[in-house]
């Protein structure tokens, strides 16, 4: 997922899809052009409004301006985390601060620039980054970083932490430590007026044209489902590929494709704000393992243990749910922050 963001050196999704997030971010930005310039993005409230499936009008509202900072949750330093940080011997890149690499040019709802200030990064990743800094007793110092640049920045010590929808992979774990904070999920989206109500098993995609990124882990997942359908003697389904995300979106809305696979967080955001698509299923994007998204530190720096303690305190206190709820990502919640759990296998 973006995750733009499965090698440590190659732009991929959090789940390991190369360049998927970048393309989806661009498509999302285009879709939101008509919604900018206002204080919030609010979904249509009329179930019969164009683009809404009957009886399923979206109802979410998101403040995409710097005003969003006024409702960002805050916490006091977490004593156990502060003690763990001091015991680790970790030295921040900037004294007294936690320098965090974020993807300002990413996509909602995880990390993106506020519509009224191209320097302010908002989204769930930014919320969690701010909370982690507070939990460690440090000042929050966000940095806008291109996806391709965070690995070298973390390795060199330029950034202390990276939160940019980075999925845990076995390859990345050779160079970085992870403290997980979200499930790594991809979603199945259909047009709002589609008759498809659920996709949860291989037979549900039988005979369907499914948009997926070529060479991605999501394609591997989909082709496995198609193979299972073929073995069962039913129409396997058909993968559909588009180099341009906007063209894929048009294909979905015009009926030239039936389903699109995209990062779950972005898919849900589009559903709840634009009302032109619906999410009808999801799967873990680190298939064949159940992968998670993590906050990334340099390997062996000592920071990851303290970060995990803060994240777990957020989970235990309910602040964690508050962040996910305010960005419509409650379906991606985890119950325990893990350090370096199993991730997407090496190719």
Protein backbone atom coordinates (compact mmCIF):
# COMPACT_ATOMS: atom_id res chain seq x y z
CA UNK A 1 0.00 0.00 0.00
CA UNK A 2 0.75 3.30 -1.18
CA UNK A 3 1.16 1.05 0.59
CA UNK A 4 2.87 4.45 -3.00
CA UNK A 5 4.50 2.50 -1.80
CA UNK A 6 8.20 -4.86 -2.06
CA UNK A 7 11.85 -4.34 -2.16
CA UNK A 8 13.53 -1.88 0.14
CA UNK A 9 14.92 -0.01 -2.85
CA UNK A 10 12.03 -0.05 -5.28
CA UNK A 11 8.87 2.09 -5.14
CA UNK A 12 6.12 -0.30 -4.17
CA UNK A 13 2.87 -0.40 -2.25
CA UNK A 14 2.80 -1.28 1.42
CA UNK A 15 1.82 -4.65 0.19
CA UNK A 16 4.49 -4.78 -2.46
CA UNK A 17 2.89 -3.28 -5.58
CA UNK A 18 5.34 -1.19 -7.59
CA UNK A 19 4.21 2.36 -8.23
CA UNK A 20 0.61 1.45 -7.43
CA UNK A 21 0.12 4.13 -4.83
CA UNK A 22 1.68 6.83 -6.95
CA UNK A 23 -0.77 6.12 -9.72
CA UNK A 24 -3.71 5.87 -7.37
CA UNK A 25 -2.68 9.07 -5.64
CA UNK A 26 -2.75 10.87 -8.96
CA UNK A 27 -6.15 9.46 -9.74
CA UNK A 28 -7.40 10.44 -6.31
CA UNK A 29 -6.08 13.95 -6.73
CA UNK A 30 -7.90 14.28 -10.05
CA UNK A 31 -11.08 12.97 -8.51
CA UNK A 32 -10.85 15.46 -5.67
CA UNK A 33 -10.22 18.53 -7.83
CA UNK A 34 -13.85 19.47 -7.75
CA UNK A 35 -13.89 19.16 -3.98
CA UNK A 36 -10.96 21.37 -3.09
CA UNK A 37 -11.22 24.95 -1.95
CA UNK A 38 -13.74 24.10 0.74
CA UNK A 39 -13.20 23.32 4.39
CA UNK A 40 -14.10 19.68 4.09
CA UNK A 41 -14.95 16.88 1.72
CA UNK A 42 -18.45 15.67 2.47
CA UNK A 43 -20.10 12.75 0.80
CA UNK A 44 -23.47 13.13 -0.97
CA UNK A 45 -26.35 12.56 1.42
CA UNK A 46 -29.02 11.65 -1.10
CA UNK A 47 -29.19 7.89 -1.72
CA UNK A 48 -30.57 8.61 -5.19
CA UNK A 49 -27.82 11.08 -6.06
CA UNK A 50 -25.79 10.31 -9.20
CA UNK A 51 -23.04 7.84 -8.50
CA UNK A 52 -24.67 6.40 -5.39
CA UNK A 53 -26.06 2.92 -5.20
CA UNK A 54 -29.66 2.94 -4.02
CA UNK A 55 -29.83 3.03 -0.26
CA UNK A 56 -26.07 3.15 0.21
CA UNK A 57 -25.18 6.83 0.22
CA UNK A 58 -21.84 7.63 1.85
CA UNK A 59 -21.99 9.76 4.97
CA UNK A 60 -18.40 10.55 5.95
CA UNK A 61 -16.95 14.03 6.15
CA UNK A 62 -13.24 14.81 6.24
CA UNK A 63 -11.55 18.12 6.89
CA UNK A 64 -8.73 18.26 4.36
CA UNK A 65 -7.43 21.66 5.47
CA UNK A 66 -4.99 22.70 8.19
CA UNK A 67 -8.06 23.00 10.40
CA UNK A 68 -7.74 19.25 10.72
CA UNK A 69 -4.86 19.83 13.13
CA UNK A 70 -7.30 21.30 15.66
CA UNK A 71 -8.91 17.90 16.12
CA UNK A 72 -5.73 15.81 16.01
CA UNK A 73 -5.47 13.65 19.18
CA UNK A 74 -2.64 14.29 21.63
CA UNK A 75 -1.10 12.34 24.51
CA UNK A 76 1.36 12.84 27.34
CA UNK A 77 4.76 11.12 27.30
CA UNK A 78 4.51 7.39 27.98
CA UNK A 79 6.89 6.70 30.92
CA UNK A 80 7.78 3.16 29.79
CA UNK A 81 8.57 4.38 26.29
CA UNK A 82 10.65 7.30 27.52
CA UNK A 83 12.61 4.95 29.77
CA UNK A 84 13.11 2.46 26.92
CA UNK A 85 14.34 5.27 24.66
CA UNK A 86 16.85 6.47 27.24
CA UNK A 87 18.08 2.94 27.89
CA UNK A 88 18.53 2.26 24.17
CA UNK A 89 21.17 4.92 23.72
CA UNK A 90 19.37 6.17 20.61
CA UNK A 91 20.37 9.66 19.51
CA UNK A 92 17.78 11.61 17.47
CA UNK A 93 18.79 13.27 14.22
CA UNK A 94 17.79 16.56 15.82
CA UNK A 95 18.25 17.00 19.56
CA UNK A 96 14.94 16.83 21.40
CA UNK A 97 12.99 16.05 18.24
CA UNK A 98 11.64 13.05 16.40
CA UNK A 99 12.29 13.60 12.70
CA UNK A 100 9.68 11.66 10.78
CA UNK A 101 9.64 10.96 7.04
CA UNK A 102 6.11 11.30 5.69
CA UNK A 103 4.67 11.23 2.19
CA UNK A 104 3.08 14.61 1.64
CA UNK A 105 2.52 13.78 -2.01
CA UNK A 106 0.81 10.53 -1.06
CA UNK A 107 -2.92 9.99 -1.04
CA UNK A 108 -5.77 10.37 1.43
CA UNK A 109 -6.49 9.24 3.99
CA UNK A 110 -3.01 8.13 5.09
CA UNK A 111 -0.68 10.99 4.18
CA UNK A 112 -1.17 14.07 1.98
CA UNK A 113 -0.77 17.84 1.92
CA UNK A 114 -3.55 19.97 3.37
CA UNK A 115 -5.48 21.64 0.58
CA UNK A 116 -4.84 25.12 1.99
CA UNK A 117 -1.13 24.66 2.76
CA UNK A 118 1.28 22.66 0.60
CA UNK A 119 3.69 22.40 3.53
CA UNK A 120 1.37 20.79 6.09
CA UNK A 121 0.98 17.01 5.96
CA UNK A 122 -2.21 15.53 7.36
CA UNK A 123 -3.75 12.06 7.40
CA UNK A 124 -3.64 9.02 9.66
CA UNK A 125 0.11 8.49 9.23
CA UNK A 126 0.74 12.09 10.27
CA UNK A 127 -1.54 11.66 13.29
CA UNK A 128 0.30 8.53 14.40
CA UNK A 129 3.69 10.16 13.83
CA UNK A 130 2.71 13.11 16.00
CA UNK A 131 1.43 10.82 18.74
CA UNK A 132 4.57 8.68 18.69
CA UNK A 133 6.73 11.78 19.12
CA UNK A 134 4.61 12.94 22.05
CA UNK A 135 4.69 9.48 23.62
CA UNK A 136 8.50 9.53 23.45
CA UNK A 137 8.65 12.97 25.03
CA UNK A 138 10.07 14.52 21.85
CA UNK A 139 8.97 17.36 19.60
CA UNK A 140 7.34 16.28 16.38
CA UNK A 141 9.39 17.23 13.30
CA UNK A 142 7.69 16.02 10.10
CA UNK A 143 9.55 15.94 6.79
CA UNK A 144 7.98 15.56 3.36
CA UNK A 145 9.90 12.73 1.69
CA UNK A 146 9.43 11.08 -1.69
CA UNK A 147 8.76 7.35 -1.46
CA UNK A 148 12.03 6.46 -3.15
CA UNK A 149 14.02 8.53 -0.65
CA UNK A 150 12.92 7.27 2.75
CA UNK A 151 15.14 4.14 2.79
CA UNK A 152 18.41 6.03 2.35
CA UNK A 153 17.22 8.75 4.71
CA UNK A 154 16.54 6.24 7.47
CA UNK A 155 19.79 4.32 6.88
CA UNK A 156 21.88 7.50 6.92
CA UNK A 157 20.24 8.85 10.07
CA UNK A 158 18.72 11.86 8.34
CA UNK A 159 15.31 10.71 9.55
CA UNK A 160 14.60 8.88 12.80
CA UNK A 161 11.36 7.28 11.71
CA UNK A 162 9.38 6.72 8.51
CA UNK A 163 5.60 6.48 8.41
CA UNK A 164 4.48 6.41 4.83
CA UNK A 165 2.26 3.35 4.58
CA UNK A 166 5.23 0.98 4.53
CA UNK A 167 4.38 -2.71 4.55
CA UNK A 168 6.57 -5.22 6.36
CA UNK A 169 8.56 -7.35 3.92
CA UNK A 170 11.30 -9.90 4.56
CA UNK A 171 13.62 -7.98 2.28
CA UNK A 172 13.09 -4.67 4.06
CA UNK A 173 13.64 -6.32 7.44
CA UNK A 174 17.26 -6.93 6.48
CA UNK A 175 17.87 -3.18 6.61
CA UNK A 176 15.12 -1.78 8.84
CA UNK A 177 13.17 -2.46 12.02
CA UNK A 178 9.38 -2.29 12.04
CA UNK A 179 6.84 -1.51 14.78
CA UNK A 180 3.45 -2.32 13.29
CA UNK A 181 0.45 -0.04 13.59
CA UNK A 182 -2.04 -1.10 10.88
CA UNK A 183 -3.15 -4.13 8.94
CA UNK A 184 -1.94 -4.24 5.32
CA UNK A 185 -5.14 -4.45 3.32
CA UNK A 186 -6.17 -4.19 -0.32
CA UNK A 187 -9.77 -3.67 -1.36
CA UNK A 188 -12.07 -4.79 -4.16
CA UNK A 189 -13.95 -1.78 -5.55
CA UNK A 190 -16.89 -1.78 -7.92
CA UNK A 191 -18.96 0.98 -9.49
CA UNK A 192 -21.62 2.33 -7.15
CA UNK A 193 -24.41 0.97 -9.36
CA UNK A 194 -22.81 -2.48 -9.74
CA UNK A 195 -24.87 -5.54 -8.85
CA UNK A 196 -21.82 -7.10 -7.17
CA UNK A 197 -22.38 -7.06 -3.41
CA UNK A 198 -19.48 -9.09 -2.01
CA UNK A 199 -16.14 -10.56 -3.04
CA UNK A 200 -14.71 -12.86 -0.41
CA UNK A 201 -13.61 -16.06 -2.20
CA UNK A 202 -12.37 -17.16 -5.63
CA UNK A 203 -15.78 -18.02 -7.07
CA UNK A 204 -16.88 -14.42 -6.47
CA UNK A 205 -14.58 -13.20 -9.26
CA UNK A 206 -15.60 -15.93 -11.70
CA UNK A 207 -16.31 -14.34 -15.07
CA UNK A 208 -15.37 -10.85 -13.89
CA UNK A 209 -12.91 -8.42 -15.43
CA UNK A 210 -10.65 -7.29 -12.59
CA UNK A 211 -8.29 -4.31 -12.82
CA UNK A 212 -4.95 -5.07 -11.15
CA UNK A 213 -1.39 -3.81 -11.37
CA UNK A 214 0.91 -5.91 -13.56
CA UNK A 215 3.76 -7.60 -11.69
CA UNK A 216 2.33 -6.78 -8.27
CA UNK A 217 1.66 -9.01 -5.31
CA UNK A 218 -2.02 -8.25 -5.81
CA UNK A 219 -1.80 -9.73 -9.31
CA UNK A 220 -0.25 -12.88 -7.81
CA UNK A 221 -3.17 -13.12 -5.38
CA UNK A 222 -5.74 -12.60 -8.14
CA UNK A 223 -4.17 -15.10 -10.55
CA UNK A 224 -4.15 -17.70 -7.77
CA UNK A 225 -7.89 -17.17 -7.35
CA UNK A 226 -8.38 -17.48 -11.13
CA UNK A 227 -6.40 -20.74 -11.09
CA UNK A 228 -8.62 -22.10 -8.32
CA UNK A 229 -11.71 -21.24 -10.38
CA UNK A 230 -10.28 -22.95 -13.44
CA UNK A 231 -9.50 -26.06 -11.37
CA UNK A 232 -13.10 -26.01 -10.15
CA UNK A 233 -14.34 -25.98 -13.74
CA UNK A 234 -15.83 -22.47 -13.72
CA UNK A 235 -14.98 -19.32 -15.65
CA UNK A 236 -11.79 -18.12 -13.93
CA UNK A 237 -12.20 -14.41 -14.60
CA UNK A 238 -9.96 -12.00 -16.50
CA UNK A 239 -7.22 -9.64 -15.30
CA UNK A 240 -7.36 -6.15 -16.82
CA UNK A 241 -4.30 -3.90 -16.95
CA UNK A 242 -4.09 -0.14 -17.32
CA UNK A 243 -0.91 1.91 -17.30
CA UNK A 244 -2.95 4.98 -16.42
CA UNK A 245 -4.99 4.92 -13.21
CA UNK A 246 -7.48 7.45 -14.53
CA UNK A 247 -8.15 5.15 -17.50
CA UNK A 248 -8.75 2.30 -15.08
CA UNK A 249 -11.23 4.38 -13.11
CA UNK A 250 -13.05 5.29 -16.31
CA UNK A 251 -13.15 1.64 -17.34
CA UNK A 252 -14.75 0.74 -14.03
CA UNK A 253 -17.36 3.48 -14.17
CA UNK A 254 -18.18 2.80 -17.85
CA UNK A 255 -18.60 -0.95 -17.35
CA UNK A 256 -15.55 -2.02 -19.36
CA UNK A 257 -14.23 -3.57 -16.13
CA UNK A 258 -16.18 -5.03 -13.24
CA UNK A 259 -13.80 -4.74 -10.30
CA UNK A 260 -10.67 -2.82 -9.35
CA UNK A 261 -8.07 -3.78 -6.75
CA UNK A 262 -6.56 -0.85 -4.87
CA UNK A 263 -5.32 0.01 -1.36
CA UNK A 264 -8.20 -0.44 1.05
CA UNK A 265 -7.73 2.89 2.82
CA UNK A 266 -7.87 4.85 -0.42
CA UNK A 267 -10.76 2.77 -1.73
CA UNK A 268 -12.82 3.43 1.40
CA UNK A 269 -11.96 7.12 1.29
CA UNK A 270 -13.19 7.38 -2.28
CA UNK A 271 -16.34 5.46 -1.40
CA UNK A 272 -17.20 7.70 1.53
CA UNK A 273 -16.37 11.02 -0.14
CA UNK A 274 -17.09 10.69 -3.85
CA UNK A 275 -19.75 8.00 -3.79
CA UNK A 276 -18.85 6.72 -7.26
CA UNK A 277 -17.50 3.35 -6.10
CA UNK A 278 -18.17 0.80 -3.37
CA UNK A 279 -15.77 -1.49 -1.51
CA UNK A 280 -17.16 -5.02 -1.62
CA UNK A 281 -14.30 -7.02 -0.17
CA UNK A 282 -10.73 -6.99 1.04
CA UNK A 283 -7.69 -9.20 1.45
CA UNK A 284 -4.31 -8.96 3.13
CA UNK A 285 -1.91 -7.45 0.67
CA UNK A 286 1.11 -9.44 1.88
CA UNK A 287 -0.40 -12.69 0.61
CA UNK A 288 0.40 -15.48 1.40
CA UNK A 289 1.16 -14.13 4.90
CA UNK A 290 -0.91 -11.75 6.99
CA UNK A 291 1.25 -8.66 6.71
CA UNK A 292 1.04 -5.36 8.53
CA UNK A 293 2.11 -1.77 7.98
CA UNK A 294 4.86 -0.52 10.25
CA UNK A 295 6.71 2.51 11.52
CA UNK A 296 10.26 2.09 10.22
CA UNK A 297 13.56 2.75 12.00
CA UNK A 298 17.18 2.02 11.13
CA UNK A 299 18.16 -1.58 11.87
CA UNK A 300 19.47 -1.96 15.40
CA UNK A 301 19.12 1.73 16.29
CA UNK A 302 17.22 0.88 19.46
CA UNK A 303 14.32 3.20 18.59
CA UNK A 304 11.85 0.55 17.47
CA UNK A 305 11.23 -0.87 20.97
CA UNK A 306 10.22 2.53 22.37
CA UNK A 307 8.05 3.26 19.33
CA UNK A 308 6.24 -0.05 19.71
CA UNK A 309 5.55 0.73 23.37
CA UNK A 310 3.93 4.03 22.40
CA UNK A 311 1.80 2.41 19.70
CA UNK A 312 0.65 -0.28 22.12
CA UNK A 313 -0.28 2.40 24.65
CA UNK A 314 -2.37 4.11 21.96
CA UNK A 315 -4.14 0.82 21.26
CA UNK A 316 -4.77 0.15 24.94
CA UNK A 317 -6.04 3.67 25.68
CA UNK A 318 -8.40 3.92 22.71
CA UNK A 319 -6.53 6.83 21.10
CA UNK A 320 -5.52 4.43 18.33
CA UNK A 321 -9.16 3.77 17.45
CA UNK A 322 -9.83 7.50 17.54
CA UNK A 323 -7.27 8.07 14.79
CA UNK A 324 -8.54 5.26 12.59
CA UNK A 325 -12.15 6.31 13.09
CA UNK A 326 -11.50 9.88 12.10
CA UNK A 327 -9.97 8.73 8.81
CA UNK A 328 -12.39 5.90 8.09
CA UNK A 329 -9.80 3.15 8.57
CA UNK A 330 -11.31 1.20 11.43
CA UNK A 331 -11.28 -2.01 9.36
CA UNK A 332 -7.47 -1.89 9.35
CA UNK A 333 -7.07 -1.95 13.13
CA UNK A 334 -4.67 -4.30 14.89
CA UNK A 335 -4.71 -5.32 18.54
CA UNK A 336 -0.96 -5.52 19.17
CA UNK A 337 2.02 -3.61 17.87
CA UNK A 338 4.58 -6.19 16.76
CA UNK A 339 8.30 -5.73 16.20
CA UNK A 340 9.52 -7.24 12.92
CA UNK A 341 6.73 -9.78 12.41
CA UNK A 342 6.64 -12.06 9.33
CA UNK A 343 6.26 -9.99 6.18
CA UNK A 344 5.84 -10.36 2.48
CA UNK A 345 8.21 -13.15 1.39
CA UNK A 346 11.16 -12.42 -0.86
CA UNK A 347 10.47 -12.88 -4.57
